Amino acid sequence: MECVTNHLPLHTVHAQLGAVFDSPCGWELPFSYGDPAAEYRAVRTAAGLVDRSSCGVVEVTGRDRVSFLQAMLTNDLKVLAPGQGCPAAFLDAHGKVQALLTVLILEDRLLLVFGSGSADRTLQALDKFLISEKASLRDVSADSARFMLAGPNTAVIIERLTGEPPLPGPWAHAERTVGGIPLRVVTGGGETGEAEAWLHAPASGGEAVWAATLEAGKPLGLSPIGVTALDVLRVEAGVPWYGHDVDETVLFPEIPLEPYVSYTKGCYIGQEIVARIKYRGHVNRSLTGLTFDGDRVPPSGAAVEVDGRQVGSVRSAVGSLALNRPIALAYVRREHLDPGTAVTVKDNELTLAARVTALPFYRRGSQ
């Protein structure tokens, strides 16, 4: 099937900033602005700004919007008030992950924020469950531009930009304005291991908000950040991405995402499987970390072995700047999950030595 490449609304702006682009299927994205290591350091020491407009947004309206999604998603929406939010997963009846998302509660609607490529597919799946409920789902991804600020100076930059600090979170959000442009500021959930805030601006004001944010953060070391640096940051933080580390073959309990689920909310699709595994059983494998000797980063899909027998596979692997060595997120069978367990990873004809490592690899103040 031919791959259609989409461009970010600010593609030209990124090109003017010196972005180097690459095209994962679906989007041409700025992978760096010339120096991924410097971009990484900006987030760890000051702040970085990432264009996340490839993420999809679905708007849910109607009087039954909360009760409908309560029966669909893993987390408890009924305990949330407008201005709050939570991460959640959408599963199939077998407990396998169909999407990871963030839910934002507004007075008159809900916003579901997905990673790249998941919004339309999930909207269609959810729509099939709508029978008599008064709820309506609409893909509004094109209506807004979405940026993420990350780094220890995030809160100060938000206050300089909007006149008010971000709300304490995670996933608390409020309407603000920048130069007369309405802006929803959402406190992030730690994708990079640093303080974060998401900026949801109308599409027509995206370029102005991007420029204003860079200007507000300039005295505080703010830099634009590409996908290469972001990938290192999130793997160090132990955060899986849907489509990279999680897909529809993965059981929800196989991934370390406790904030995504409520075990007291009652029924939702896949709930019986999730509860049975938690209280009566176990999964045969889990997503964990691997730390490598040497400097070779293995490819995605590389086999993880113990005594010549495959016990898992690598998903995302990067060169960690915090640990100064390659690291990876990998699925490993439960009998080999103890931190420190020695494993080998096959990279074509090479055999790489590695050790199982508890997630996350990085915590602020621990390096």
Foldseek 3Di string as FASTA:
>chain_A
DDADEDEALCNVVLVVLQFDWDTDRHYIFRQFNPDLVLQLVLQAAFKEKEWQLLKWKKKKFFPCRQVLVLQFWFAHPVVDDQQAKFKIFGAAQQQATAFTWIWHDHPGIIMTIGHHPRVVVVQVVSVVVDDPGGMDMDTCSLFWIKMKMHHANQQVLVCLQFVHGADDHQQGWDWTDGPNWIWIKHFHDCQQLTTMIMIITTSVCVVVSVVSSCVSCVVRSYYYHRPNSSLLRRLLQVHDHEVQQGHRVDRPQQEPDVRHHDLPSDHHRNNVNVVCCVPPHHDFKHKFKKWFPDADWADFFWFKADPPHGFWTFGDKDQHPVVRHIMTTIIGTPVQQDFQRWIWTDRPPDITIITTHGPNNDHPPPD
